[in-house]
Amino acid sequence: MFLIKEKLFELEERLEAYDYVRISKIDFMDIDSIATLSPKTSGRFEASLINE
């Protein structure tokens, strides 16, 4: 976890260039770290990550 003073929308704009996406109000994920993405009956998705 990192403490930053930037607003989240500003961080989101900066991270887009590095293939990060916002997955919730407070979380970002590196697209390249996703192994699989599965839909759930709740309407949400479950991501399995690559463990390198």
Protein backbone atom coordinates (compact mmCIF):
# COMPACT_ATOMS: atom_id res chain seq x y z
CA MET A 1 0.00 0.00 0.00
CA PHE A 2 1.20 3.50 -0.82
CA LEU A 3 0.16 6.84 0.61
CA ILE A 4 -0.18 9.51 -2.07
CA LYS A 5 -1.51 13.05 -2.14
CA GLU A 6 -2.82 12.84 -5.70
CA LYS A 7 -6.52 12.57 -6.37
CA LEU A 8 -7.52 9.10 -7.57
CA PHE A 9 -8.69 10.30 -10.98
CA GLU A 10 -5.26 11.92 -11.51
CA LEU A 11 -3.50 8.71 -10.55
CA GLU A 12 -5.83 6.74 -12.81
CA GLU A 13 -4.88 8.94 -15.78
CA ARG A 14 -1.16 8.46 -15.09
CA LEU A 15 -1.44 4.69 -14.65
CA GLU A 16 -3.36 4.13 -17.91
CA ALA A 17 -0.08 4.48 -19.80
CA TYR A 18 1.27 1.50 -17.83
CA ASP A 19 -1.75 -0.80 -18.45
CA TYR A 20 -3.33 -0.34 -15.02
CA VAL A 21 -7.09 -0.16 -14.70
CA ARG A 22 -9.28 0.95 -11.83
CA ILE A 23 -11.20 -2.05 -10.51
CA SER A 24 -13.04 -0.39 -7.61
CA LYS A 25 -13.31 2.94 -5.83
CA ILE A 26 -9.88 2.47 -4.25
CA ASP A 27 -8.07 -0.29 -6.18
CA PHE A 28 -6.00 -0.43 -9.35
CA MET A 29 -4.77 -3.56 -11.13
CA ASP A 30 -2.05 -4.23 -13.66
CA ILE A 31 -3.77 -5.79 -16.68
CA ASP A 32 -0.70 -7.92 -17.41
CA SER A 33 -1.01 -9.63 -14.01
CA ILE A 34 -4.44 -11.12 -14.81
CA ALA A 35 -4.35 -14.83 -15.75
CA THR A 36 -8.14 -15.29 -16.08
CA LEU A 37 -11.26 -13.20 -15.60
CA SER A 38 -14.51 -15.02 -14.74
CA PRO A 39 -18.03 -13.60 -14.42
CA LYS A 40 -19.91 -14.38 -11.20
CA THR A 41 -23.67 -14.73 -10.71
CA SER A 42 -23.64 -11.56 -8.59
CA GLY A 43 -22.71 -9.53 -11.68
CA ARG A 44 -19.15 -9.08 -10.50
CA PHE A 45 -15.98 -10.59 -11.93
CA GLU A 46 -13.27 -12.69 -10.31
CA ALA A 47 -9.69 -12.21 -11.46
CA SER A 48 -7.07 -14.91 -11.03
CA LEU A 49 -3.63 -13.39 -11.00
CA ILE A 50 -0.30 -14.58 -12.35
CA ASN A 51 2.11 -15.36 -9.53
CA GLU A 52 5.64 -14.72 -10.74
